[in-house]
């Protein structure tokens, strides 16, 4: 039977195999507004690598936010209603696009890398 110790997984003929715990080293946040409903916008125009992003629709929104790729629209995006959030794992924030039902609807987001 293999004994697992903190920081060690499995064994080899030479002894324990060291394991280094890995976590996300960067946490960032921001907000984005969709100025004109039906006109998609990038979550970030800058290249920001990430492993995970949580997007939350603003409490003040009066319609849905749609999340997807560069073709997102109300017909094909994942939608979130005001105060709801969506967790996704893109490799970069600039891959995520938003659309909205109502002019000026917005989101806040938190990303990890």
PDB file of N, CA and C in Angstrom:
ATOM      1  N   UNK A   1       0.840  -1.176   0.000  1.00  0.00           N
ATOM      2  CA  UNK A   1       0.000   0.000   0.000  1.00  0.00           C
ATOM      3  C   UNK A   1       0.884   1.237   0.000  1.00  0.00           C
ATOM      4  N   UNK A   2       0.529   2.217  -0.822  1.00  0.00           N
ATOM      5  CA  UNK A   2       1.297   3.454  -0.905  1.00  0.00           C
ATOM      6  C   UNK A   2       0.763   4.458   0.094  1.00  0.00           C
ATOM      7  N   UNK A   3       1.642   5.037   0.861  1.00  0.00           N
ATOM      8  CA  UNK A   3       1.249   6.038   1.830  1.00  0.00           C
ATOM      9  C   UNK A   3       1.420   7.409   1.196  1.00  0.00           C
ATOM     10  N   UNK A   4       0.417   8.259   1.356  1.00  0.00           N
ATOM     11  CA  UNK A   4       0.482   9.611   0.800  1.00  0.00           C
ATOM     12  C   UNK A   4       0.716  10.580   1.946  1.00  0.00           C
ATOM     13  N   UNK A   5       1.754  11.373   1.787  1.00  0.00           N
ATOM     14  CA  UNK A   5       2.078  12.385   2.777  1.00  0.00           C
ATOM     15  C   UNK A   5       1.919  13.752   2.129  1.00  0.00           C
ATOM     16  N   UNK A   6       1.750  14.773   2.927  1.00  0.00           N
ATOM     17  CA  UNK A   6       1.642  16.117   2.383  1.00  0.00           C
ATOM     18  C   UNK A   6       2.885  16.431   1.563  1.00  0.00           C
ATOM     19  N   UNK A   7       2.661  16.863   0.317  1.00  0.00           N
ATOM     20  CA  UNK A   7       3.776  17.203  -0.561  1.00  0.00           C
ATOM     21  C   UNK A   7       4.409  16.009  -1.233  1.00  0.00           C
ATOM     22  N   UNK A   8       3.888  14.802  -0.996  1.00  0.00           N
ATOM     23  CA  UNK A   8       4.469  13.595  -1.572  1.00  0.00           C
ATOM     24  C   UNK A   8       3.349  12.718  -2.108  1.00  0.00           C
ATOM     25  N   UNK A   9       3.501  12.249  -3.345  1.00  0.00           N
ATOM     26  CA  UNK A   9       2.525  11.337  -3.930  1.00  0.00           C
ATOM     27  C   UNK A   9       3.271  10.149  -4.503  1.00  0.00           C
ATOM     28  N   UNK A  10       2.830   8.930  -4.169  1.00  0.00           N
ATOM     29  CA  UNK A  10       3.404   7.718  -4.740  1.00  0.00           C
ATOM     30  C   UNK A  10       4.826   7.454  -4.287  1.00  0.00           C
ATOM     31  N   UNK A  11       5.387   6.388  -4.838  1.00  0.00           N
ATOM     32  CA  UNK A  11       6.769   6.046  -4.532  1.00  0.00           C
ATOM     33  C   UNK A  11       7.442   5.523  -5.780  1.00  0.00           C
ATOM     34  N   UNK A  12       8.726   5.555  -5.763  1.00  0.00           N
ATOM     35  CA  UNK A  12       9.541   4.935  -6.799  1.00  0.00           C
ATOM     36  C   UNK A  12      10.543   4.056  -6.082  1.00  0.00           C
ATOM     37  N   UNK A  13      11.344   3.331  -6.842  1.00  0.00           N
ATOM     38  CA  UNK A  13      12.355   2.484  -6.200  1.00  0.00           C
ATOM     39  C   UNK A  13      13.343   3.341  -5.417  1.00  0.00           C
ATOM     40  N   UNK A  14      13.437   4.621  -5.765  1.00  0.00           N
ATOM     41  CA  UNK A  14      14.360   5.515  -5.057  1.00  0.00           C
ATOM     42  C   UNK A  14      13.707   6.249  -3.903  1.00  0.00           C
ATOM     43  N   UNK A  15      12.405   6.040  -3.680  1.00  0.00           N
ATOM     44  CA  UNK A  15      11.738   6.715  -2.573  1.00  0.00           C
ATOM     45  C   UNK A  15      10.538   7.519  -3.051  1.00  0.00           C
ATOM     46  N   UNK A  16      10.173   8.508  -2.290  1.00  0.00           N
ATOM     47  CA  UNK A  16       8.980   9.315  -2.558  1.00  0.00           C
ATOM     48  C   UNK A  16       9.174  10.220  -3.762  1.00  0.00           C
ATOM     49  N   UNK A  17       8.082  10.508  -4.456  1.00  0.00           N
ATOM     50  CA  UNK A  17       8.094  11.456  -5.571  1.00  0.00           C
ATOM     51  C   UNK A  17       7.613  12.793  -5.030  1.00  0.00           C
ATOM     52  N   UNK A  18       8.444  13.828  -5.054  1.00  0.00           N
ATOM     53  CA  UNK A  18       8.011  15.120  -4.515  1.00  0.00           C
ATOM     54  C   UNK A  18       6.951  15.762  -5.415  1.00  0.00           C
ATOM     55  N   UNK A  19       5.988  16.401  -4.795  1.00  0.00           N
ATOM     56  CA  UNK A  19       4.924  17.094  -5.513  1.00  0.00           C
ATOM     57  C   UNK A  19       4.882  18.521  -5.015  1.00  0.00           C
ATOM     58  N   UNK A  20       4.866  19.468  -5.954  1.00  0.00           N
ATOM     59  CA  UNK A  20       4.780  20.872  -5.600  1.00  0.00           C
ATOM     60  C   UNK A  20       3.368  21.356  -5.873  1.00  0.00           C
ATOM     61  N   UNK A  21       2.624  21.771  -4.845  1.00  0.00           N
ATOM     62  CA  UNK A  21       1.282  22.284  -5.063  1.00  0.00           C
ATOM     63  C   UNK A  21       1.325  23.522  -5.953  1.00  0.00           C
ATOM     64  N   UNK A  22       0.401  23.598  -6.891  1.00  0.00           N
ATOM     65  CA  UNK A  22       0.359  24.723  -7.810  1.00  0.00           C
ATOM     66  C   UNK A  22      -0.973  25.436  -7.645  1.00  0.00           C
ATOM     67  N   UNK A  23      -0.918  26.743  -7.542  1.00  0.00           N
ATOM     68  CA  UNK A  23      -2.132  27.545  -7.443  1.00  0.00           C
ATOM     69  C   UNK A  23      -2.084  28.656  -8.466  1.00  0.00           C
ATOM     70  N   UNK A  24      -3.122  29.420  -8.519  1.00  0.00           N
ATOM     71  CA  UNK A  24      -3.150  30.552  -9.426  1.00  0.00           C
ATOM     72  C   UNK A  24      -2.353  31.688  -8.811  1.00  0.00           C
ATOM     73  N   UNK A  25      -1.489  32.306  -9.619  1.00  0.00           N
ATOM     74  CA  UNK A  25      -0.572  33.307  -9.084  1.00  0.00           C
ATOM     75  C   UNK A  25      -1.065  34.730  -9.246  1.00  0.00           C
ATOM     76  N   UNK A  26      -2.093  34.951 -10.071  1.00  0.00           N
ATOM     77  CA  UNK A  26      -2.595  36.291 -10.312  1.00  0.00           C
ATOM     78  C   UNK A  26      -4.100  36.303 -10.173  1.00  0.00           C
ATOM     79  N   UNK A  27      -4.612  37.317  -9.496  1.00  0.00           N
ATOM     80  CA  UNK A  27      -6.044  37.553  -9.424  1.00  0.00           C
ATOM     81  C   UNK A  27      -6.271  38.981  -9.874  1.00  0.00           C
ATOM     82  N   UNK A  28      -7.232  39.174 -10.753  1.00  0.00           N
ATOM     83  CA  UNK A  28      -7.553  40.513 -11.232  1.00  0.00           C
ATOM     84  C   UNK A  28      -9.046  40.654 -11.414  1.00  0.00           C
ATOM     85  N   UNK A  29      -9.470  41.884 -11.608  1.00  0.00           N
ATOM     86  CA  UNK A  29     -10.901  42.123 -11.778  1.00  0.00           C
ATOM     87  C   UNK A  29     -11.118  43.317 -12.693  1.00  0.00           C
ATOM     88  N   UNK A  30     -12.342  43.469 -13.116  1.00  0.00           N
ATOM     89  CA  UNK A  30     -12.685  44.594 -13.968  1.00  0.00           C
ATOM     90  C   UNK A  30     -14.178  44.639 -14.205  1.00  0.00           C
ATOM     91  N   UNK A  31     -14.575  45.563 -15.066  1.00  0.00           N
ATOM     92  CA  UNK A  31     -15.979  45.668 -15.448  1.00  0.00           C
ATOM     93  C   UNK A  31     -16.045  46.016 -16.924  1.00  0.00           C
ATOM     94  N   UNK A  32     -17.175  45.694 -17.529  1.00  0.00           N
ATOM     95  CA  UNK A  32     -17.352  45.967 -18.958  1.00  0.00           C
ATOM     96  C   UNK A  32     -18.823  46.258 -19.209  1.00  0.00           C
ATOM     97  N   UNK A  33     -19.070  47.260 -20.041  1.00  0.00           N
ATOM     98  CA  UNK A  33     -20.425  47.646 -20.395  1.00  0.00           C
ATOM     99  C   UNK A  33     -20.654  47.386 -21.879  1.00  0.00           C
ATOM    100  N   UNK A  34     -21.863  46.994 -22.230  1.00  0.00           N
ATOM    101  CA  UNK A  34     -22.256  46.850 -23.630  1.00  0.00           C
ATOM    102  C   UNK A  34     -23.020  48.128 -23.979  1.00  0.00           C
ATOM    103  N   UNK A  35     -22.366  49.038 -24.683  1.00  0.00           N
ATOM    104  CA  UNK A  35     -22.968  50.348 -24.965  1.00  0.00           C
ATOM    105  C   UNK A  35     -24.244  50.232 -25.785  1.00  0.00           C
ATOM    106  N   UNK A  36     -24.205  49.398 -26.815  1.00  0.00           N
ATOM    107  CA  UNK A  36     -25.353  49.252 -27.711  1.00  0.00           C
ATOM    108  C   UNK A  36     -25.785  47.798 -27.767  1.00  0.00           C
ATOM    109  N   UNK A  37     -27.015  47.534 -27.355  1.00  0.00           N
ATOM    110  CA  UNK A  37     -27.551  46.179 -27.404  1.00  0.00           C
ATOM    111  C   UNK A  37     -27.464  45.642 -28.825  1.00  0.00           C
ATOM    112  N   UNK A  38     -27.047  44.387 -28.951  1.00  0.00           N
ATOM    113  CA  UNK A  38     -26.910  43.770 -30.260  1.00  0.00           C
ATOM    114  C   UNK A  38     -25.559  43.970 -30.902  1.00  0.00           C
ATOM    115  N   UNK A  39     -24.693  44.766 -30.267  1.00  0.00           N
ATOM    116  CA  UNK A  39     -23.338  44.994 -30.778  1.00  0.00           C
ATOM    117  C   UNK A  39     -22.373  44.407 -29.755  1.00  0.00           C
ATOM    118  N   UNK A  40     -21.784  43.249 -30.082  1.00  0.00           N
ATOM    119  CA  UNK A  40     -20.921  42.540 -29.128  1.00  0.00           C
ATOM    120  C   UNK A  40     -19.643  43.332 -28.839  1.00  0.00           C
ATOM    121  N   UNK A  41     -19.113  43.119 -27.639  1.00  0.00           N
ATOM    122  CA  UNK A  41     -17.856  43.744 -27.210  1.00  0.00           C
ATOM    123  C   UNK A  41     -16.970  42.678 -26.578  1.00  0.00           C
ATOM    124  N   UNK A  42     -15.652  42.874 -26.689  1.00  0.00           N
ATOM    125  CA  UNK A  42     -14.697  41.980 -26.013  1.00  0.00           C
ATOM    126  C   UNK A  42     -14.681  42.298 -24.532  1.00  0.00           C
ATOM    127  N   UNK A  43     -14.561  41.259 -23.722  1.00  0.00           N
ATOM    128  CA  UNK A  43     -14.431  41.474 -22.285  1.00  0.00           C
ATOM    129  C   UNK A  43     -13.185  42.305 -22.009  1.00  0.00           C
ATOM    130  N   UNK A  44     -12.095  42.024 -22.741  1.00  0.00           N
ATOM    131  CA  UNK A  44     -10.858  42.805 -22.630  1.00  0.00           C
ATOM    132  C   UNK A  44     -10.203  42.873 -23.998  1.00  0.00           C
ATOM    133  N   UNK A  45      -9.868  44.074 -24.435  1.00  0.00           N
ATOM    134  CA  UNK A  45      -9.157  44.197 -25.707  1.00  0.00           C
ATOM    135  C   UNK A  45      -7.672  43.877 -25.539  1.00  0.00           C
ATOM    136  N   UNK A  46      -7.194  43.933 -24.301  1.00  0.00           N
ATOM    137  CA  UNK A  46      -5.797  43.584 -24.009  1.00  0.00           C
ATOM    138  C   UNK A  46      -5.669  42.072 -23.873  1.00  0.00           C
ATOM    139  N   UNK A  47      -4.499  41.551 -24.178  1.00  0.00           N
ATOM    140  CA  UNK A  47      -4.214  40.135 -23.995  1.00  0.00           C
ATOM    141  C   UNK A  47      -3.897  39.892 -22.521  1.00  0.00           C
ATOM    142  N   UNK A  48      -4.810  39.201 -21.838  1.00  0.00           N
ATOM    143  CA  UNK A  48      -4.621  38.897 -20.419  1.00  0.00           C
ATOM    144  C   UNK A  48      -4.822  37.391 -20.230  1.00  0.00           C
ATOM    145  N   UNK A  49      -3.721  36.637 -20.139  1.00  0.00           N
ATOM    146  CA  UNK A  49      -3.850  35.190 -19.934  1.00  0.00           C
ATOM    147  C   UNK A  49      -4.604  34.897 -18.638  1.00  0.00           C
ATOM    148  N   UNK A  50      -5.406  33.850 -18.666  1.00  0.00           N
ATOM    149  CA  UNK A  50      -6.135  33.469 -17.461  1.00  0.00           C
ATOM    150  C   UNK A  50      -6.428  31.971 -17.491  1.00  0.00           C
ATOM    151  N   UNK A  51      -6.757  31.444 -16.336  1.00  0.00           N
ATOM    152  CA  UNK A  51      -7.155  30.039 -16.216  1.00  0.00           C
ATOM    153  C   UNK A  51      -8.638  29.930 -15.901  1.00  0.00           C
ATOM    154  N   UNK A  52      -9.182  30.997 -15.307  1.00  0.00           N
ATOM    155  CA  UNK A  52     -10.579  30.975 -14.894  1.00  0.00           C
ATOM    156  C   UNK A  52     -11.084  32.403 -14.813  1.00  0.00           C
ATOM    157  N   UNK A  53     -12.332  32.620 -15.226  1.00  0.00           N
ATOM    158  CA  UNK A  53     -12.958  33.937 -15.089  1.00  0.00           C
ATOM    159  C   UNK A  53     -14.409  33.743 -14.672  1.00  0.00           C
ATOM    160  N   UNK A  54     -14.824  34.520 -13.691  1.00  0.00           N
ATOM    161  CA  UNK A  54     -16.217  34.549 -13.266  1.00  0.00           C
ATOM    162  C   UNK A  54     -16.794  35.879 -13.705  1.00  0.00           C
ATOM    163  N   UNK A  55     -17.905  35.836 -14.434  1.00  0.00           N
ATOM    164  CA  UNK A  55     -18.553  37.034 -14.954  1.00  0.00           C
ATOM    165  C   UNK A  55     -19.902  37.170 -14.268  1.00  0.00           C
ATOM    166  N   UNK A  56     -20.162  38.352 -13.682  1.00  0.00           N
ATOM    167  CA  UNK A  56     -21.425  38.574 -12.987  1.00  0.00           C
ATOM    168  C   UNK A  56     -22.151  39.753 -13.609  1.00  0.00           C
ATOM    169  N   UNK A  57     -23.428  39.552 -13.930  1.00  0.00           N
ATOM    170  CA  UNK A  57     -24.254  40.614 -14.485  1.00  0.00           C
ATOM    171  C   UNK A  57     -24.601  41.623 -13.391  1.00  0.00           C
ATOM    172  N   UNK A  58     -24.573  42.899 -13.736  1.00  0.00           N
ATOM    173  CA  UNK A  58     -24.835  43.968 -12.778  1.00  0.00           C
ATOM    174  C   UNK A  58     -26.267  43.910 -12.246  1.00  0.00           C
ATOM    175  N   UNK A  59     -26.417  44.265 -10.990  1.00  0.00           N
ATOM    176  CA  UNK A  59     -27.726  44.339 -10.346  1.00  0.00           C
ATOM    177  C   UNK A  59     -28.624  45.338 -11.067  1.00  0.00           C
ATOM    178  N   UNK A  60     -28.040  46.383 -11.650  1.00  0.00           N
ATOM    179  CA  UNK A  60     -28.812  47.442 -12.301  1.00  0.00           C
ATOM    180  C   UNK A  60     -29.218  47.117 -13.733  1.00  0.00           C
ATOM    181  N   UNK A  61     -28.781  45.982 -14.278  1.00  0.00           N
ATOM    182  CA  UNK A  61     -29.158  45.617 -15.645  1.00  0.00           C
ATOM    183  C   UNK A  61     -30.675  45.444 -15.748  1.00  0.00           C
ATOM    184  N   UNK A  62     -31.211  45.796 -16.923  1.00  0.00           N
ATOM    185  CA  UNK A  62     -32.651  45.626 -17.150  1.00  0.00           C
ATOM    186  C   UNK A  62     -32.927  44.528 -18.176  1.00  0.00           C
ATOM    187  N   UNK A  63     -31.905  43.775 -18.533  1.00  0.00           N
ATOM    188  CA  UNK A  63     -32.058  42.664 -19.472  1.00  0.00           C
ATOM    189  C   UNK A  63     -30.933  41.672 -19.271  1.00  0.00           C
ATOM    190  N   UNK A  64     -30.866  40.702 -20.149  1.00  0.00           N
ATOM    191  CA  UNK A  64     -29.846  39.657 -20.067  1.00  0.00           C
ATOM    192  C   UNK A  64     -28.523  40.113 -20.657  1.00  0.00           C
ATOM    193  N   UNK A  65     -27.448  39.491 -20.178  1.00  0.00           N
ATOM    194  CA  UNK A  65     -26.117  39.585 -20.776  1.00  0.00           C
ATOM    195  C   UNK A  65     -25.864  38.243 -21.448  1.00  0.00           C
ATOM    196  N   UNK A  66     -25.290  38.274 -22.649  1.00  0.00           N
ATOM    197  CA  UNK A  66     -24.958  37.051 -23.381  1.00  0.00           C
ATOM    198  C   UNK A  66     -23.447  36.924 -23.444  1.00  0.00           C
ATOM    199  N   UNK A  67     -22.946  35.716 -23.164  1.00  0.00           N
ATOM    200  CA  UNK A  67     -21.508  35.456 -23.106  1.00  0.00           C
ATOM    201  C   UNK A  67     -21.172  34.410 -24.151  1.00  0.00           C
ATOM    202  N   UNK A  68     -20.067  34.633 -24.885  1.00  0.00           N
ATOM    203  CA  UNK A  68     -19.639  33.667 -25.882  1.00  0.00           C
ATOM    204  C   UNK A  68     -18.359  34.083 -26.566  1.00  0.00           C
ATOM    205  N   UNK A  69     -18.185  33.601 -27.793  1.00  0.00           N
ATOM    206  CA  UNK A  69     -16.999  33.935 -28.575  1.00  0.00           C
ATOM    207  C   UNK A  69     -17.285  35.157 -29.450  1.00  0.00           C
ATOM    208  N   UNK A  70     -16.475  35.364 -30.478  1.00  0.00           N
ATOM    209  CA  UNK A  70     -16.597  36.570 -31.299  1.00  0.00           C
ATOM    210  C   UNK A  70     -17.874  36.613 -32.138  1.00  0.00           C
ATOM    211  N   UNK A  71     -18.684  35.569 -32.089  1.00  0.00           N
ATOM    212  CA  UNK A  71     -19.955  35.559 -32.818  1.00  0.00           C
ATOM    213  C   UNK A  71     -21.151  35.625 -31.865  1.00  0.00           C
ATOM    214  N   UNK A  72     -20.924  35.905 -30.591  1.00  0.00           N
ATOM    215  CA  UNK A  72     -22.011  35.861 -29.609  1.00  0.00           C
ATOM    216  C   UNK A  72     -23.140  36.820 -29.984  1.00  0.00           C
ATOM    217  N   UNK A  73     -24.349  36.371 -29.703  1.00  0.00           N
ATOM    218  CA  UNK A  73     -25.543  37.200 -29.873  1.00  0.00           C
ATOM    219  C   UNK A  73     -26.613  36.647 -28.941  1.00  0.00           C
ATOM    220  N   UNK A  74     -27.771  37.286 -28.945  1.00  0.00           N
ATOM    221  CA  UNK A  74     -28.861  36.787 -28.110  1.00  0.00           C
ATOM    222  C   UNK A  74     -29.357  35.431 -28.600  1.00  0.00           C
ATOM    223  N   UNK A  75     -29.016  35.077 -29.838  1.00  0.00           N
ATOM    224  CA  UNK A  75     -29.461  33.800 -30.409  1.00  0.00           C
ATOM    225  C   UNK A  75     -28.543  32.629 -30.072  1.00  0.00           C
ATOM    226  N   UNK A  76     -27.278  32.907 -29.677  1.00  0.00           N
ATOM    227  CA  UNK A  76     -26.352  31.790 -29.489  1.00  0.00           C
ATOM    228  C   UNK A  76     -25.472  31.875 -28.246  1.00  0.00           C
ATOM    229  N   UNK A  77     -25.642  32.883 -27.415  1.00  0.00           N
ATOM    230  CA  UNK A  77     -24.781  33.011 -26.239  1.00  0.00           C
ATOM    231  C   UNK A  77     -25.391  32.383 -24.999  1.00  0.00           C
ATOM    232  N   UNK A  78     -24.547  32.102 -24.033  1.00  0.00           N
ATOM    233  CA  UNK A  78     -25.003  31.709 -22.698  1.00  0.00           C
ATOM    234  C   UNK A  78     -25.516  32.991 -22.053  1.00  0.00           C
ATOM    235  N   UNK A  79     -26.709  32.989 -21.497  1.00  0.00           N
ATOM    236  CA  UNK A  79     -27.203  34.235 -20.918  1.00  0.00           C
ATOM    237  C   UNK A  79     -27.218  34.182 -19.400  1.00  0.00           C
ATOM    238  N   UNK A  80     -26.996  35.351 -18.817  1.00  0.00           N
ATOM    239  CA  UNK A  80     -27.128  35.514 -17.372  1.00  0.00           C
ATOM    240  C   UNK A  80     -28.020  36.725 -17.122  1.00  0.00           C
ATOM    241  N   UNK A  81     -28.860  36.592 -16.122  1.00  0.00           N
ATOM    242  CA  UNK A  81     -29.760  37.671 -15.737  1.00  0.00           C
ATOM    243  C   UNK A  81     -29.083  38.514 -14.653  1.00  0.00           C
ATOM    244  N   UNK A  82     -29.627  39.691 -14.346  1.00  0.00           N
ATOM    245  CA  UNK A  82     -29.002  40.549 -13.329  1.00  0.00           C
ATOM    246  C   UNK A  82     -28.672  39.802 -12.044  1.00  0.00           C
ATOM    247  N   UNK A  83     -27.485  40.011 -11.540  1.00  0.00           N
ATOM    248  CA  UNK A  83     -26.856  39.448 -10.335  1.00  0.00           C
ATOM    249  C   UNK A  83     -26.389  38.009 -10.489  1.00  0.00           C
ATOM    250  N   UNK A  84     -26.745  37.331 -11.567  1.00  0.00           N
ATOM    251  CA  UNK A  84     -26.265  35.963 -11.753  1.00  0.00           C
ATOM    252  C   UNK A  84     -24.867  35.982 -12.351  1.00  0.00           C
ATOM    253  N   UNK A  85     -24.134  34.881 -12.177  1.00  0.00           N
ATOM    254  CA  UNK A  85     -22.762  34.817 -12.674  1.00  0.00           C
ATOM    255  C   UNK A  85     -22.538  33.544 -13.457  1.00  0.00           C
ATOM    256  N   UNK A  86     -21.442  33.551 -14.203  1.00  0.00           N
ATOM    257  CA  UNK A  86     -21.059  32.408 -15.029  1.00  0.00           C
ATOM    258  C   UNK A  86     -19.559  32.217 -14.889  1.00  0.00           C
ATOM    259  N   UNK A  87     -19.128  30.982 -14.626  1.00  0.00           N
ATOM    260  CA  UNK A  87     -17.721  30.640 -14.489  1.00  0.00           C
ATOM    261  C   UNK A  87     -17.265  29.947 -15.760  1.00  0.00           C
ATOM    262  N   UNK A  88     -16.147  30.394 -16.309  1.00  0.00           N
ATOM    263  CA  UNK A  88     -15.604  29.756 -17.508  1.00  0.00           C
ATOM    264  C   UNK A  88     -14.086  29.695 -17.422  1.00  0.00           C
ATOM    265  N   UNK A  89     -13.470  28.916 -18.324  1.00  0.00           N
ATOM    266  CA  UNK A  89     -12.030  28.687 -18.268  1.00  0.00           C
ATOM    267  C   UNK A  89     -11.348  28.979 -19.608  1.00  0.00           C
ATOM    268  N   UNK A  90     -11.445  30.210 -20.113  1.00  0.00           N
ATOM    269  CA  UNK A  90     -10.723  30.541 -21.340  1.00  0.00           C
ATOM    270  C   UNK A  90      -9.238  30.704 -21.038  1.00  0.00           C
ATOM    271  N   UNK A  91      -8.413  30.655 -22.055  1.00  0.00           N
ATOM    272  CA  UNK A  91      -6.975  30.848 -21.849  1.00  0.00           C
ATOM    273  C   UNK A  91      -6.594  32.325 -21.847  1.00  0.00           C
ATOM    274  N   UNK A  92      -7.514  33.190 -22.302  1.00  0.00           N
ATOM    275  CA  UNK A  92      -7.225  34.623 -22.358  1.00  0.00           C
ATOM    276  C   UNK A  92      -8.544  35.387 -22.267  1.00  0.00           C
ATOM    277  N   UNK A  93      -8.544  36.516 -21.557  1.00  0.00           N
ATOM    278  CA  UNK A  93      -9.770  37.311 -21.441  1.00  0.00           C
ATOM    279  C   UNK A  93     -10.234  37.858 -22.786  1.00  0.00           C
ATOM    280  N   UNK A  94      -9.292  38.073 -23.721  1.00  0.00           N
ATOM    281  CA  UNK A  94      -9.690  38.655 -25.006  1.00  0.00           C
ATOM    282  C   UNK A  94     -10.441  37.671 -25.910  1.00  0.00           C
ATOM    283  N   UNK A  95     -10.616  36.439 -25.465  1.00  0.00           N
ATOM    284  CA  UNK A  95     -11.396  35.451 -26.213  1.00  0.00           C
ATOM    285  C   UNK A  95     -12.881  35.510 -25.868  1.00  0.00           C
ATOM    286  N   UNK A  96     -13.226  36.239 -24.809  1.00  0.00           N
ATOM    287  CA  UNK A  96     -14.593  36.292 -24.313  1.00  0.00           C
ATOM    288  C   UNK A  96     -15.280  37.561 -24.833  1.00  0.00           C
ATOM    289  N   UNK A  97     -16.491  37.368 -25.361  1.00  0.00           N
ATOM    290  CA  UNK A  97     -17.279  38.490 -25.881  1.00  0.00           C
ATOM    291  C   UNK A  97     -18.615  38.549 -25.167  1.00  0.00           C
ATOM    292  N   UNK A  98     -19.195  39.752 -25.130  1.00  0.00           N
ATOM    293  CA  UNK A  98     -20.476  39.989 -24.477  1.00  0.00           C
ATOM    294  C   UNK A  98     -21.442  40.672 -25.432  1.00  0.00           C
ATOM    295  N   UNK A  99     -22.712  40.422 -25.245  1.00  0.00           N
ATOM    296  CA  UNK A  99     -23.784  41.158 -25.900  1.00  0.00           C
ATOM    297  C   UNK A  99     -24.856  41.368 -24.832  1.00  0.00           C
ATOM    298  N   UNK A 100     -25.839  42.195 -25.126  1.00  0.00           N
ATOM    299  CA  UNK A 100     -26.861  42.504 -24.127  1.00  0.00           C
ATOM    300  C   UNK A 100     -28.203  42.757 -24.790  1.00  0.00           C
ATOM    301  N   UNK A 101     -29.262  42.631 -23.988  1.00  0.00           N
ATOM    302  CA  UNK A 101     -30.614  42.956 -24.438  1.00  0.00           C
ATOM    303  C   UNK A 101     -30.874  44.464 -24.421  1.00  0.00           C
ATOM    304  N   UNK A 102     -30.161  45.160 -23.532  1.00  0.00           N
ATOM    305  CA  UNK A 102     -30.448  46.565 -23.273  1.00  0.00           C
ATOM    306  C   UNK A 102     -29.162  47.382 -23.330  1.00  0.00           C
ATOM    307  N   UNK A 103     -29.225  48.549 -23.963  1.00  0.00           N
ATOM    308  CA  UNK A 103     -28.072  49.457 -24.016  1.00  0.00           C
ATOM    309  C   UNK A 103     -27.555  49.729 -22.602  1.00  0.00           C
ATOM    310  N   UNK A 104     -26.244  49.685 -22.436  1.00  0.00           N
ATOM    311  CA  UNK A 104     -25.625  50.033 -21.164  1.00  0.00           C
ATOM    312  C   UNK A 104     -25.581  48.936 -20.119  1.00  0.00           C
ATOM    313  N   UNK A 105     -26.148  47.767 -20.393  1.00  0.00           N
ATOM    314  CA  UNK A 105     -26.016  46.676 -19.424  1.00  0.00           C
ATOM    315  C   UNK A 105     -24.547  46.341 -19.226  1.00  0.00           C
ATOM    316  N   UNK A 106     -24.179  45.905 -18.025  1.00  0.00           N
ATOM    317  CA  UNK A 106     -22.766  45.699 -17.740  1.00  0.00           C
ATOM    318  C   UNK A 106     -22.527  44.458 -16.889  1.00  0.00           C
ATOM    319  N   UNK A 107     -21.249  44.103 -16.791  1.00  0.00           N
ATOM    320  CA  UNK A 107     -20.812  42.990 -15.963  1.00  0.00           C
ATOM    321  C   UNK A 107     -19.596  43.425 -15.165  1.00  0.00           C
ATOM    322  N   UNK A 108     -19.340  42.704 -14.088  1.00  0.00           N
ATOM    323  CA  UNK A 108     -18.055  42.747 -13.420  1.00  0.00           C
ATOM    324  C   UNK A 108     -17.463  41.363 -13.557  1.00  0.00           C
ATOM    325  N   UNK A 109     -16.136  41.277 -13.506  1.00  0.00           N
ATOM    326  CA  UNK A 109     -15.495  39.970 -13.652  1.00  0.00           C
ATOM    327  C   UNK A 109     -14.278  39.863 -12.741  1.00  0.00           C
ATOM    328  N   UNK A 110     -13.978  38.617 -12.408  1.00  0.00           N
ATOM    329  CA  UNK A 110     -12.824  38.270 -11.582  1.00  0.00           C
ATOM    330  C   UNK A 110     -12.101  37.152 -12.310  1.00  0.00           C
ATOM    331  N   UNK A 111     -10.796  37.342 -12.558  1.00  0.00           N
ATOM    332  CA  UNK A 111     -10.049  36.289 -13.246  1.00  0.00           C
ATOM    333  C   UNK A 111      -8.874  35.833 -12.410  1.00  0.00           C
ATOM    334  N   UNK A 112      -8.453  34.603 -12.695  1.00  0.00           N
ATOM    335  CA  UNK A 112      -7.299  34.010 -12.019  1.00  0.00           C
ATOM    336  C   UNK A 112      -6.352  33.442 -13.053  1.00  0.00           C
ATOM    337  N   UNK A 113      -5.059  33.545 -12.767  1.00  0.00           N
ATOM    338  CA  UNK A 113      -4.037  32.968 -13.634  1.00  0.00           C
ATOM    339  C   UNK A 113      -2.936  32.393 -12.788  1.00  0.00           C
TER     340      UNK A 113
END
